[in-house]
Amino acid sequence: MNKEQDTLRNNEDGATSIEYALIASLIAGVIGLTVSAIGGTVLNMFTIAAAMFP
């Protein structure tokens, strides 16, 4: 029984998966904030460009 407990205690696969999930969610959040911050500027640029054409 001790060998099985040691195996479970030393298994870090779950912790690694959680770390990758946290990193992925952080990256997604940064991308979302960047798109929302830049989105208005890009929309204004396209609006100005569209107004140049009759």
C-alpha atoms as a PDB file:
ATOM      1  CA  MET A   1       0.000   0.000   0.000  1.00  0.00           C
ATOM      2  CA  ASN A   2       2.868   2.395   0.712  1.00  0.00           C
ATOM      3  CA  LYS A   3       4.224   1.969  -2.814  1.00  0.00           C
ATOM      4  CA  GLU A   4       0.862   2.950  -4.292  1.00  0.00           C
ATOM      5  CA  GLN A   5       0.652   5.988  -2.035  1.00  0.00           C
ATOM      6  CA  ASP A   6       4.158   7.054  -3.023  1.00  0.00           C
ATOM      7  CA  THR A   7       3.242   6.706  -6.687  1.00  0.00           C
ATOM      8  CA  LEU A   8       0.142   8.854  -6.249  1.00  0.00           C
ATOM      9  CA  ARG A   9       1.997  11.400  -4.141  1.00  0.00           C
ATOM     10  CA  ASN A  10       4.778  11.788  -6.726  1.00  0.00           C
ATOM     11  CA  ASN A  11       2.439  11.984  -9.717  1.00  0.00           C
ATOM     12  CA  GLU A  12       2.482  15.604 -10.944  1.00  0.00           C
ATOM     13  CA  ASP A  13       0.501  15.179 -14.176  1.00  0.00           C
ATOM     14  CA  GLY A  14      -2.606  16.852 -12.754  1.00  0.00           C
ATOM     15  CA  ALA A  15      -0.653  19.798 -11.411  1.00  0.00           C
ATOM     16  CA  THR A  16       1.040  20.295 -14.765  1.00  0.00           C
ATOM     17  CA  SER A  17      -2.299  20.271 -16.567  1.00  0.00           C
ATOM     18  CA  ILE A  18      -3.679  22.886 -14.200  1.00  0.00           C
ATOM     19  CA  GLU A  19      -0.620  25.061 -14.730  1.00  0.00           C
ATOM     20  CA  TYR A  20      -1.017  24.879 -18.492  1.00  0.00           C
ATOM     21  CA  ALA A  21      -4.714  25.725 -18.181  1.00  0.00           C
ATOM     22  CA  LEU A  22      -3.892  28.766 -16.043  1.00  0.00           C
ATOM     23  CA  ILE A  23      -1.271  29.959 -18.516  1.00  0.00           C
ATOM     24  CA  ALA A  24      -3.671  29.485 -21.440  1.00  0.00           C
ATOM     25  CA  SER A  25      -6.436  31.411 -19.659  1.00  0.00           C
ATOM     26  CA  LEU A  26      -4.006  34.214 -18.826  1.00  0.00           C
ATOM     27  CA  ILE A  27      -2.922  34.465 -22.469  1.00  0.00           C
ATOM     28  CA  ALA A  28      -6.563  34.455 -23.607  1.00  0.00           C
ATOM     29  CA  GLY A  29      -7.355  37.246 -21.156  1.00  0.00           C
ATOM     30  CA  VAL A  30      -4.457  39.369 -22.373  1.00  0.00           C
ATOM     31  CA  ILE A  31      -5.522  38.843 -25.991  1.00  0.00           C
ATOM     32  CA  GLY A  32      -9.099  39.799 -25.113  1.00  0.00           C
ATOM     33  CA  LEU A  33      -8.017  42.987 -23.347  1.00  0.00           C
ATOM     34  CA  THR A  34      -5.712  43.926 -26.204  1.00  0.00           C
ATOM     35  CA  VAL A  35      -8.401  43.414 -28.830  1.00  0.00           C
ATOM     36  CA  SER A  36     -10.937  45.430 -26.859  1.00  0.00           C
ATOM     37  CA  ALA A  37      -8.427  48.247 -26.299  1.00  0.00           C
ATOM     38  CA  ILE A  38      -7.327  48.437 -29.930  1.00  0.00           C
ATOM     39  CA  GLY A  39     -10.725  47.633 -31.452  1.00  0.00           C
ATOM     40  CA  GLY A  40     -12.091  51.166 -31.183  1.00  0.00           C
ATOM     41  CA  THR A  41      -9.019  52.641 -32.846  1.00  0.00           C
ATOM     42  CA  VAL A  42      -9.190  50.192 -35.737  1.00  0.00           C
ATOM     43  CA  LEU A  43     -12.908  50.866 -36.171  1.00  0.00           C
ATOM     44  CA  ASN A  44     -12.222  54.610 -36.371  1.00  0.00           C
ATOM     45  CA  MET A  45      -9.503  54.039 -38.974  1.00  0.00           C
ATOM     46  CA  PHE A  46     -11.848  51.997 -41.155  1.00  0.00           C
ATOM     47  CA  THR A  47     -14.624  54.557 -40.727  1.00  0.00           C
ATOM     48  CA  ILE A  48     -12.311  57.352 -41.879  1.00  0.00           C
ATOM     49  CA  ALA A  49     -11.085  55.244 -44.810  1.00  0.00           C
ATOM     50  CA  ALA A  50     -14.660  54.403 -45.826  1.00  0.00           C
ATOM     51  CA  ALA A  51     -15.638  58.091 -45.690  1.00  0.00           C
ATOM     52  CA  MET A  52     -12.924  58.895 -48.239  1.00  0.00           C
ATOM     53  CA  PHE A  53     -14.763  56.895 -50.916  1.00  0.00           C
ATOM     54  CA  PRO A  54     -17.894  58.479 -52.387  1.00  0.00           C
END
